[in-house]
Protein backbone atom coordinates (compact mmCIF):
# COMPACT_ATOMS: atom_id res chain seq x y z
CA UNK A 1 0.00 0.00 0.00
CA UNK A 2 2.84 2.39 0.71
CA UNK A 3 4.21 2.00 -2.82
CA UNK A 4 0.73 2.46 -4.34
CA UNK A 5 0.71 6.28 -3.98
CA UNK A 6 4.17 6.44 -5.58
CA UNK A 7 2.92 4.60 -8.63
CA UNK A 8 -0.09 6.90 -8.90
CA UNK A 9 2.12 9.96 -8.51
CA UNK A 10 4.53 8.70 -11.18
CA UNK A 11 1.61 7.90 -13.52
CA UNK A 12 0.10 11.36 -12.94
CA UNK A 13 3.42 13.06 -13.62
CA UNK A 14 3.92 10.99 -16.77
CA UNK A 15 0.42 11.92 -17.96
CA UNK A 16 1.07 15.63 -17.32
CA UNK A 17 4.38 15.41 -19.16
CA UNK A 18 2.71 13.73 -22.14
CA UNK A 19 -0.03 16.38 -22.27
CA UNK A 20 2.55 19.14 -22.04
CA UNK A 21 4.56 17.59 -24.88
CA UNK A 22 1.39 17.28 -26.98
CA UNK A 23 0.50 20.95 -26.41
CA UNK A 24 4.05 22.00 -27.26
CA UNK A 25 3.94 19.94 -30.46
CA UNK A 26 0.65 21.60 -31.46
CA UNK A 27 2.15 25.05 -30.85
CA UNK A 28 5.16 24.11 -32.96
CA UNK A 29 2.96 22.89 -35.83
CA UNK A 30 0.89 26.06 -35.67
CA UNK A 31 4.01 28.26 -35.79
CA UNK A 32 5.43 26.16 -38.61
CA UNK A 33 2.22 26.57 -40.64
CA UNK A 34 2.24 30.33 -40.01
CA UNK A 35 5.86 30.55 -41.16
CA UNK A 36 4.99 28.60 -44.32
CA UNK A 37 2.09 30.97 -45.03
CA UNK A 38 4.29 34.04 -44.59
CA UNK A 39 6.94 32.46 -46.85
CA UNK A 40 4.27 31.95 -49.54
CA UNK A 41 3.28 35.61 -49.28
CA UNK A 42 6.91 36.73 -49.50
CA UNK A 43 7.46 34.88 -52.78
CA UNK A 44 4.32 36.49 -54.23
CA UNK A 45 1.67 33.81 -53.83
CA UNK A 46 -1.58 34.39 -51.95
CA UNK A 47 -2.71 32.00 -49.22
CA UNK A 48 -5.34 29.38 -49.96
CA UNK A 49 -8.81 30.31 -48.63
CA UNK A 50 -9.01 27.25 -46.37
CA UNK A 51 -5.78 28.34 -44.67
CA UNK A 52 -7.12 31.85 -44.08
CA UNK A 53 -9.86 30.55 -41.81
CA UNK A 54 -7.26 29.39 -39.28
CA UNK A 55 -4.56 31.99 -39.96
CA UNK A 56 -3.06 33.91 -37.06
CA UNK A 57 -3.27 37.71 -36.90
CA UNK A 58 0.42 37.91 -37.81
CA UNK A 59 -0.22 35.96 -41.02
CA UNK A 60 -3.15 38.25 -41.83
CA UNK A 61 -0.90 41.27 -41.30
CA UNK A 62 1.62 39.74 -43.70
CA UNK A 63 -1.23 39.24 -46.17
CA UNK A 64 -2.14 42.92 -45.88
CA UNK A 65 1.46 43.83 -46.73
CA UNK A 66 1.21 41.41 -49.67
CA UNK A 67 -1.89 43.30 -50.86
CA UNK A 68 -0.04 46.62 -50.66
CA UNK A 69 2.86 45.23 -52.68
CA UNK A 70 0.41 44.10 -55.35
CA UNK A 71 -1.37 47.48 -55.28
CA UNK A 72 -4.61 46.04 -53.92
CA UNK A 73 -5.04 48.97 -51.55
CA UNK A 74 -8.72 48.45 -50.81
CA UNK A 75 -8.18 44.82 -49.74
CA UNK A 76 -5.18 45.82 -47.64
CA UNK A 77 -7.05 48.60 -45.86
CA UNK A 78 -10.02 46.34 -45.14
CA UNK A 79 -7.77 43.68 -43.64
CA UNK A 80 -5.79 46.20 -41.60
CA UNK A 81 -9.00 47.69 -40.22
CA UNK A 82 -10.04 44.18 -39.14
CA UNK A 83 -6.73 43.65 -37.36
CA UNK A 84 -6.80 46.90 -35.36
CA UNK A 85 -8.40 45.34 -32.30
CA UNK A 86 -6.43 42.08 -32.29
CA UNK A 87 -3.24 41.29 -30.45
CA UNK A 88 -1.14 43.15 -27.95
CA UNK A 89 0.06 46.75 -28.09
CA UNK A 90 3.12 45.94 -30.19
CA UNK A 91 1.02 44.10 -32.77
CA UNK A 92 -1.54 46.92 -32.92
CA UNK A 93 1.29 49.42 -33.35
CA UNK A 94 2.52 47.38 -36.33
CA UNK A 95 -1.00 47.41 -37.77
CA UNK A 96 -1.19 51.20 -37.45
CA UNK A 97 2.30 51.52 -38.91
CA UNK A 98 1.27 49.51 -41.94
CA UNK A 99 -1.92 51.55 -42.28
CA UNK A 100 0.24 54.66 -42.32
CA UNK A 101 2.50 53.15 -44.96
CA UNK A 102 -0.52 52.34 -47.11
CA UNK A 103 -1.90 55.87 -46.77
CA UNK A 104 1.51 57.45 -47.43
CA UNK A 105 1.95 55.31 -50.55
CA UNK A 106 -1.41 56.50 -51.81
CA UNK A 107 -0.50 60.11 -51.00
CA UNK A 108 2.70 59.83 -53.02
CA UNK A 109 0.79 58.23 -55.91
CA UNK A 110 -1.62 61.18 -55.86
CA UNK A 111 1.26 63.67 -55.82
CA UNK A 112 2.72 62.03 -58.93
CA UNK A 113 -0.67 62.41 -60.62
CA UNK A 114 -0.86 66.07 -59.50
CA UNK A 115 -3.97 65.38 -57.40
CA UNK A 116 -2.76 67.50 -54.50
CA UNK A 117 -6.04 67.75 -52.59
CA UNK A 118 -6.43 63.97 -52.47
CA UNK A 119 -2.76 63.55 -51.62
CA UNK A 120 -3.18 65.92 -48.68
CA UNK A 121 -6.05 63.80 -47.32
CA UNK A 122 -4.03 60.59 -47.58
CA UNK A 123 -0.99 62.23 -45.98
CA UNK A 124 -3.12 63.38 -43.03
CA UNK A 125 -4.50 59.85 -42.58
CA UNK A 126 -0.94 58.48 -42.72
CA UNK A 127 0.21 60.90 -40.03
CA UNK A 128 -2.73 59.92 -37.82
CA UNK A 129 -1.92 56.21 -38.20
CA UNK A 130 1.74 56.79 -37.33
CA UNK A 131 0.72 58.80 -34.27
CA UNK A 132 -1.52 55.95 -33.11
CA UNK A 133 1.36 53.52 -33.50
CA UNK A 134 3.59 55.80 -31.45
CA UNK A 135 0.97 56.12 -28.72
CA UNK A 136 1.03 52.35 -28.29
CA UNK A 137 4.78 51.88 -28.69
CA UNK A 138 6.66 55.18 -28.25
CA UNK A 139 9.94 53.60 -29.33
CA UNK A 140 8.64 52.44 -32.74
CA UNK A 141 11.49 53.94 -34.75
CA UNK A 142 10.04 53.21 -38.20
CA UNK A 143 6.77 54.93 -37.29
CA UNK A 144 8.72 57.97 -36.03
CA UNK A 145 10.74 58.14 -39.23
CA UNK A 146 7.72 57.79 -41.51
CA UNK A 147 5.72 60.31 -39.48
CA UNK A 148 8.50 62.82 -40.02
CA UNK A 149 8.55 61.99 -43.74
CA UNK A 150 4.77 62.51 -43.96
CA UNK A 151 5.07 65.80 -42.08
CA UNK A 152 7.74 67.01 -44.47
CA UNK A 153 5.60 66.02 -47.44
CA UNK A 154 2.84 68.46 -46.51
CA UNK A 155 4.80 71.73 -47.03
CA UNK A 156 6.03 70.38 -50.34
CA UNK A 157 2.44 69.75 -51.44
CA UNK A 158 1.42 73.24 -50.35
CA UNK A 159 4.16 74.71 -52.49
CA UNK A 160 3.13 72.65 -55.51
CA UNK A 161 -0.51 73.69 -55.19
CA UNK A 162 0.44 77.38 -54.82
CA UNK A 163 3.02 77.25 -57.61
CA UNK A 164 0.32 77.38 -60.25
CA UNK A 165 -0.72 80.83 -58.99
CA UNK A 166 2.80 82.30 -58.78
CA UNK A 167 4.59 84.17 -61.54
CA UNK A 168 7.67 82.44 -63.07
CA UNK A 169 10.22 84.78 -61.43
CA UNK A 170 9.36 83.44 -57.94
CA UNK A 171 9.93 79.86 -59.05
CA UNK A 172 13.61 79.91 -57.99
CA UNK A 173 12.55 80.72 -54.41
CA UNK A 174 10.45 77.55 -54.26
CA UNK A 175 13.47 75.35 -54.96
CA UNK A 176 14.77 75.64 -51.41
CA UNK A 177 13.38 73.10 -49.00
CA UNK A 178 12.21 73.79 -45.48
CA UNK A 179 14.51 71.13 -44.04
CA UNK A 180 16.98 72.23 -41.41
CA UNK A 181 20.65 71.68 -42.15
CA UNK A 182 23.20 69.85 -40.08
CA UNK A 183 24.77 71.88 -37.27
CA UNK A 184 28.38 72.79 -37.88
CA UNK A 185 31.12 72.73 -35.30
CA UNK A 186 31.07 71.48 -31.76
CA UNK A 187 28.74 72.69 -29.03
C-alpha atoms as a PDB file:
ATOM      1  CA  UNK A   1       0.000   0.000   0.000  1.00  0.00           C
ATOM      2  CA  UNK A   2       2.837   2.394   0.715  1.00  0.00           C
ATOM      3  CA  UNK A   3       4.211   2.002  -2.815  1.00  0.00           C
ATOM      4  CA  UNK A   4       0.725   2.463  -4.338  1.00  0.00           C
ATOM      5  CA  UNK A   5       0.713   6.276  -3.985  1.00  0.00           C
ATOM      6  CA  UNK A   6       4.168   6.435  -5.576  1.00  0.00           C
ATOM      7  CA  UNK A   7       2.922   4.597  -8.628  1.00  0.00           C
ATOM      8  CA  UNK A   8      -0.092   6.902  -8.899  1.00  0.00           C
ATOM      9  CA  UNK A   9       2.123   9.964  -8.514  1.00  0.00           C
ATOM     10  CA  UNK A  10       4.528   8.700 -11.182  1.00  0.00           C
ATOM     11  CA  UNK A  11       1.611   7.901 -13.519  1.00  0.00           C
ATOM     12  CA  UNK A  12       0.104  11.360 -12.938  1.00  0.00           C
ATOM     13  CA  UNK A  13       3.423  13.060 -13.620  1.00  0.00           C
ATOM     14  CA  UNK A  14       3.916  10.989 -16.774  1.00  0.00           C
ATOM     15  CA  UNK A  15       0.421  11.923 -17.964  1.00  0.00           C
ATOM     16  CA  UNK A  16       1.068  15.633 -17.322  1.00  0.00           C
ATOM     17  CA  UNK A  17       4.384  15.413 -19.163  1.00  0.00           C
ATOM     18  CA  UNK A  18       2.714  13.725 -22.136  1.00  0.00           C
ATOM     19  CA  UNK A  19      -0.030  16.381 -22.270  1.00  0.00           C
ATOM     20  CA  UNK A  20       2.555  19.135 -22.039  1.00  0.00           C
ATOM     21  CA  UNK A  21       4.556  17.590 -24.883  1.00  0.00           C
ATOM     22  CA  UNK A  22       1.392  17.278 -26.979  1.00  0.00           C
ATOM     23  CA  UNK A  23       0.499  20.949 -26.409  1.00  0.00           C
ATOM     24  CA  UNK A  24       4.046  21.999 -27.256  1.00  0.00           C
ATOM     25  CA  UNK A  25       3.937  19.940 -30.456  1.00  0.00           C
ATOM     26  CA  UNK A  26       0.645  21.600 -31.459  1.00  0.00           C
ATOM     27  CA  UNK A  27       2.153  25.047 -30.853  1.00  0.00           C
ATOM     28  CA  UNK A  28       5.164  24.106 -32.956  1.00  0.00           C
ATOM     29  CA  UNK A  29       2.963  22.885 -35.833  1.00  0.00           C
ATOM     30  CA  UNK A  30       0.891  26.058 -35.672  1.00  0.00           C
ATOM     31  CA  UNK A  31       4.007  28.256 -35.792  1.00  0.00           C
ATOM     32  CA  UNK A  32       5.428  26.163 -38.613  1.00  0.00           C
ATOM     33  CA  UNK A  33       2.225  26.568 -40.642  1.00  0.00           C
ATOM     34  CA  UNK A  34       2.241  30.334 -40.005  1.00  0.00           C
ATOM     35  CA  UNK A  35       5.860  30.551 -41.164  1.00  0.00           C
ATOM     36  CA  UNK A  36       4.990  28.600 -44.318  1.00  0.00           C
ATOM     37  CA  UNK A  37       2.094  30.971 -45.027  1.00  0.00           C
ATOM     38  CA  UNK A  38       4.291  34.036 -44.586  1.00  0.00           C
ATOM     39  CA  UNK A  39       6.938  32.460 -46.852  1.00  0.00           C
ATOM     40  CA  UNK A  40       4.274  31.950 -49.538  1.00  0.00           C
ATOM     41  CA  UNK A  41       3.285  35.606 -49.276  1.00  0.00           C
ATOM     42  CA  UNK A  42       6.910  36.725 -49.501  1.00  0.00           C
ATOM     43  CA  UNK A  43       7.456  34.883 -52.782  1.00  0.00           C
ATOM     44  CA  UNK A  44       4.318  36.487 -54.227  1.00  0.00           C
ATOM     45  CA  UNK A  45       1.668  33.806 -53.826  1.00  0.00           C
ATOM     46  CA  UNK A  46      -1.575  34.392 -51.946  1.00  0.00           C
ATOM     47  CA  UNK A  47      -2.713  32.003 -49.216  1.00  0.00           C
ATOM     48  CA  UNK A  48      -5.340  29.384 -49.962  1.00  0.00           C
ATOM     49  CA  UNK A  49      -8.814  30.312 -48.626  1.00  0.00           C
ATOM     50  CA  UNK A  50      -9.012  27.252 -46.369  1.00  0.00           C
ATOM     51  CA  UNK A  51      -5.782  28.343 -44.667  1.00  0.00           C
ATOM     52  CA  UNK A  52      -7.123  31.854 -44.083  1.00  0.00           C
ATOM     53  CA  UNK A  53      -9.864  30.552 -41.811  1.00  0.00           C
ATOM     54  CA  UNK A  54      -7.262  29.386 -39.278  1.00  0.00           C
ATOM     55  CA  UNK A  55      -4.559  31.991 -39.957  1.00  0.00           C
ATOM     56  CA  UNK A  56      -3.057  33.906 -37.060  1.00  0.00           C
ATOM     57  CA  UNK A  57      -3.273  37.708 -36.904  1.00  0.00           C
ATOM     58  CA  UNK A  58       0.421  37.908 -37.814  1.00  0.00           C
ATOM     59  CA  UNK A  59      -0.221  35.964 -41.025  1.00  0.00           C
ATOM     60  CA  UNK A  60      -3.149  38.246 -41.827  1.00  0.00           C
ATOM     61  CA  UNK A  61      -0.896  41.266 -41.296  1.00  0.00           C
ATOM     62  CA  UNK A  62       1.622  39.740 -43.703  1.00  0.00           C
ATOM     63  CA  UNK A  63      -1.230  39.243 -46.170  1.00  0.00           C
ATOM     64  CA  UNK A  64      -2.144  42.924 -45.876  1.00  0.00           C
ATOM     65  CA  UNK A  65       1.462  43.826 -46.728  1.00  0.00           C
ATOM     66  CA  UNK A  66       1.210  41.406 -49.668  1.00  0.00           C
ATOM     67  CA  UNK A  67      -1.888  43.301 -50.859  1.00  0.00           C
ATOM     68  CA  UNK A  68      -0.044  46.616 -50.658  1.00  0.00           C
ATOM     69  CA  UNK A  69       2.864  45.229 -52.682  1.00  0.00           C
ATOM     70  CA  UNK A  70       0.412  44.105 -55.348  1.00  0.00           C
ATOM     71  CA  UNK A  71      -1.371  47.484 -55.281  1.00  0.00           C
ATOM     72  CA  UNK A  72      -4.613  46.037 -53.916  1.00  0.00           C
ATOM     73  CA  UNK A  73      -5.036  48.970 -51.547  1.00  0.00           C
ATOM     74  CA  UNK A  74      -8.720  48.447 -50.808  1.00  0.00           C
ATOM     75  CA  UNK A  75      -8.182  44.824 -49.744  1.00  0.00           C
ATOM     76  CA  UNK A  76      -5.182  45.820 -47.643  1.00  0.00           C
ATOM     77  CA  UNK A  77      -7.052  48.603 -45.856  1.00  0.00           C
ATOM     78  CA  UNK A  78     -10.022  46.339 -45.140  1.00  0.00           C
ATOM     79  CA  UNK A  79      -7.769  43.680 -43.641  1.00  0.00           C
ATOM     80  CA  UNK A  80      -5.789  46.204 -41.599  1.00  0.00           C
ATOM     81  CA  UNK A  81      -9.000  47.688 -40.217  1.00  0.00           C
ATOM     82  CA  UNK A  82     -10.043  44.178 -39.137  1.00  0.00           C
ATOM     83  CA  UNK A  83      -6.726  43.649 -37.360  1.00  0.00           C
ATOM     84  CA  UNK A  84      -6.798  46.903 -35.360  1.00  0.00           C
ATOM     85  CA  UNK A  85      -8.402  45.340 -32.304  1.00  0.00           C
ATOM     86  CA  UNK A  86      -6.435  42.077 -32.285  1.00  0.00           C
ATOM     87  CA  UNK A  87      -3.240  41.287 -30.454  1.00  0.00           C
ATOM     88  CA  UNK A  88      -1.142  43.149 -27.950  1.00  0.00           C
ATOM     89  CA  UNK A  89       0.055  46.752 -28.089  1.00  0.00           C
ATOM     90  CA  UNK A  90       3.123  45.944 -30.189  1.00  0.00           C
ATOM     91  CA  UNK A  91       1.019  44.102 -32.766  1.00  0.00           C
ATOM     92  CA  UNK A  92      -1.545  46.917 -32.915  1.00  0.00           C
ATOM     93  CA  UNK A  93       1.290  49.420 -33.354  1.00  0.00           C
ATOM     94  CA  UNK A  94       2.516  47.382 -36.328  1.00  0.00           C
ATOM     95  CA  UNK A  95      -1.005  47.406 -37.769  1.00  0.00           C
ATOM     96  CA  UNK A  96      -1.195  51.199 -37.449  1.00  0.00           C
ATOM     97  CA  UNK A  97       2.301  51.522 -38.906  1.00  0.00           C
ATOM     98  CA  UNK A  98       1.267  49.505 -41.945  1.00  0.00           C
ATOM     99  CA  UNK A  99      -1.919  51.546 -42.280  1.00  0.00           C
ATOM    100  CA  UNK A 100       0.235  54.658 -42.320  1.00  0.00           C
ATOM    101  CA  UNK A 101       2.498  53.153 -44.959  1.00  0.00           C
ATOM    102  CA  UNK A 102      -0.522  52.342 -47.112  1.00  0.00           C
ATOM    103  CA  UNK A 103      -1.896  55.869 -46.774  1.00  0.00           C
ATOM    104  CA  UNK A 104       1.506  57.445 -47.431  1.00  0.00           C
ATOM    105  CA  UNK A 105       1.945  55.313 -50.547  1.00  0.00           C
ATOM    106  CA  UNK A 106      -1.414  56.504 -51.812  1.00  0.00           C
ATOM    107  CA  UNK A 107      -0.497  60.109 -50.999  1.00  0.00           C
ATOM    108  CA  UNK A 108       2.701  59.827 -53.020  1.00  0.00           C
ATOM    109  CA  UNK A 109       0.785  58.233 -55.909  1.00  0.00           C
ATOM    110  CA  UNK A 110      -1.624  61.178 -55.865  1.00  0.00           C
ATOM    111  CA  UNK A 111       1.259  63.669 -55.824  1.00  0.00           C
ATOM    112  CA  UNK A 112       2.717  62.030 -58.930  1.00  0.00           C
ATOM    113  CA  UNK A 113      -0.670  62.408 -60.622  1.00  0.00           C
ATOM    114  CA  UNK A 114      -0.856  66.072 -59.496  1.00  0.00           C
ATOM    115  CA  UNK A 115      -3.972  65.379 -57.398  1.00  0.00           C
ATOM    116  CA  UNK A 116      -2.765  67.496 -54.499  1.00  0.00           C
ATOM    117  CA  UNK A 117      -6.043  67.746 -52.586  1.00  0.00           C
ATOM    118  CA  UNK A 118      -6.434  63.971 -52.471  1.00  0.00           C
ATOM    119  CA  UNK A 119      -2.764  63.552 -51.618  1.00  0.00           C
ATOM    120  CA  UNK A 120      -3.177  65.922 -48.685  1.00  0.00           C
ATOM    121  CA  UNK A 121      -6.047  63.797 -47.319  1.00  0.00           C
ATOM    122  CA  UNK A 122      -4.026  60.587 -47.583  1.00  0.00           C
ATOM    123  CA  UNK A 123      -0.985  62.230 -45.978  1.00  0.00           C
ATOM    124  CA  UNK A 124      -3.115  63.383 -43.033  1.00  0.00           C
ATOM    125  CA  UNK A 125      -4.496  59.852 -42.579  1.00  0.00           C
ATOM    126  CA  UNK A 126      -0.939  58.481 -42.716  1.00  0.00           C
ATOM    127  CA  UNK A 127       0.208  60.896 -40.028  1.00  0.00           C
ATOM    128  CA  UNK A 128      -2.726  59.918 -37.816  1.00  0.00           C
ATOM    129  CA  UNK A 129      -1.919  56.208 -38.205  1.00  0.00           C
ATOM    130  CA  UNK A 130       1.739  56.788 -37.331  1.00  0.00           C
ATOM    131  CA  UNK A 131       0.718  58.801 -34.268  1.00  0.00           C
ATOM    132  CA  UNK A 132      -1.521  55.947 -33.111  1.00  0.00           C
ATOM    133  CA  UNK A 133       1.363  53.516 -33.504  1.00  0.00           C
ATOM    134  CA  UNK A 134       3.589  55.800 -31.447  1.00  0.00           C
ATOM    135  CA  UNK A 135       0.967  56.119 -28.717  1.00  0.00           C
ATOM    136  CA  UNK A 136       1.028  52.354 -28.290  1.00  0.00           C
ATOM    137  CA  UNK A 137       4.782  51.884 -28.692  1.00  0.00           C
ATOM    138  CA  UNK A 138       6.656  55.176 -28.246  1.00  0.00           C
ATOM    139  CA  UNK A 139       9.942  53.602 -29.328  1.00  0.00           C
ATOM    140  CA  UNK A 140       8.645  52.444 -32.737  1.00  0.00           C
ATOM    141  CA  UNK A 141      11.494  53.940 -34.747  1.00  0.00           C
ATOM    142  CA  UNK A 142      10.035  53.205 -38.195  1.00  0.00           C
ATOM    143  CA  UNK A 143       6.775  54.933 -37.287  1.00  0.00           C
ATOM    144  CA  UNK A 144       8.725  57.970 -36.033  1.00  0.00           C
ATOM    145  CA  UNK A 145      10.735  58.145 -39.233  1.00  0.00           C
ATOM    146  CA  UNK A 146       7.719  57.785 -41.513  1.00  0.00           C
ATOM    147  CA  UNK A 147       5.716  60.309 -39.483  1.00  0.00           C
ATOM    148  CA  UNK A 148       8.496  62.823 -40.024  1.00  0.00           C
ATOM    149  CA  UNK A 149       8.549  61.994 -43.743  1.00  0.00           C
ATOM    150  CA  UNK A 150       4.774  62.505 -43.964  1.00  0.00           C
ATOM    151  CA  UNK A 151       5.065  65.797 -42.078  1.00  0.00           C
ATOM    152  CA  UNK A 152       7.737  67.014 -44.473  1.00  0.00           C
ATOM    153  CA  UNK A 153       5.602  66.023 -47.439  1.00  0.00           C
ATOM    154  CA  UNK A 154       2.841  68.461 -46.507  1.00  0.00           C
ATOM    155  CA  UNK A 155       4.802  71.729 -47.029  1.00  0.00           C
ATOM    156  CA  UNK A 156       6.032  70.378 -50.342  1.00  0.00           C
ATOM    157  CA  UNK A 157       2.439  69.746 -51.437  1.00  0.00           C
ATOM    158  CA  UNK A 158       1.422  73.238 -50.346  1.00  0.00           C
ATOM    159  CA  UNK A 159       4.159  74.715 -52.491  1.00  0.00           C
ATOM    160  CA  UNK A 160       3.126  72.649 -55.510  1.00  0.00           C
ATOM    161  CA  UNK A 161      -0.511  73.693 -55.186  1.00  0.00           C
ATOM    162  CA  UNK A 162       0.439  77.380 -54.818  1.00  0.00           C
ATOM    163  CA  UNK A 163       3.017  77.245 -57.613  1.00  0.00           C
ATOM    164  CA  UNK A 164       0.321  77.378 -60.255  1.00  0.00           C
ATOM    165  CA  UNK A 165      -0.717  80.832 -58.986  1.00  0.00           C
ATOM    166  CA  UNK A 166       2.800  82.305 -58.778  1.00  0.00           C
ATOM    167  CA  UNK A 167       4.591  84.166 -61.542  1.00  0.00           C
ATOM    168  CA  UNK A 168       7.668  82.438 -63.074  1.00  0.00           C
ATOM    169  CA  UNK A 169      10.222  84.776 -61.432  1.00  0.00           C
ATOM    170  CA  UNK A 170       9.361  83.443 -57.945  1.00  0.00           C
ATOM    171  CA  UNK A 171       9.933  79.863 -59.049  1.00  0.00           C
ATOM    172  CA  UNK A 172      13.605  79.908 -57.985  1.00  0.00           C
ATOM    173  CA  UNK A 173      12.553  80.722 -54.407  1.00  0.00           C
ATOM    174  CA  UNK A 174      10.447  77.549 -54.265  1.00  0.00           C
ATOM    175  CA  UNK A 175      13.466  75.354 -54.961  1.00  0.00           C
ATOM    176  CA  UNK A 176      14.769  75.636 -51.411  1.00  0.00           C
ATOM    177  CA  UNK A 177      13.380  73.100 -49.001  1.00  0.00           C
ATOM    178  CA  UNK A 178      12.205  73.790 -45.483  1.00  0.00           C
ATOM    179  CA  UNK A 179      14.510  71.129 -44.041  1.00  0.00           C
ATOM    180  CA  UNK A 180      16.982  72.232 -41.414  1.00  0.00           C
ATOM    181  CA  UNK A 181      20.654  71.678 -42.151  1.00  0.00           C
ATOM    182  CA  UNK A 182      23.198  69.847 -40.083  1.00  0.00           C
ATOM    183  CA  UNK A 183      24.770  71.876 -37.269  1.00  0.00           C
ATOM    184  CA  UNK A 184      28.382  72.792 -37.879  1.00  0.00           C
ATOM    185  CA  UNK A 185      31.117  72.732 -35.301  1.00  0.00           C
ATOM    186  CA  UNK A 186      31.069  71.481 -31.761  1.00  0.00           C
ATOM    187  CA  UNK A 187      28.744  72.690 -29.027  1.00  0.00           C
END
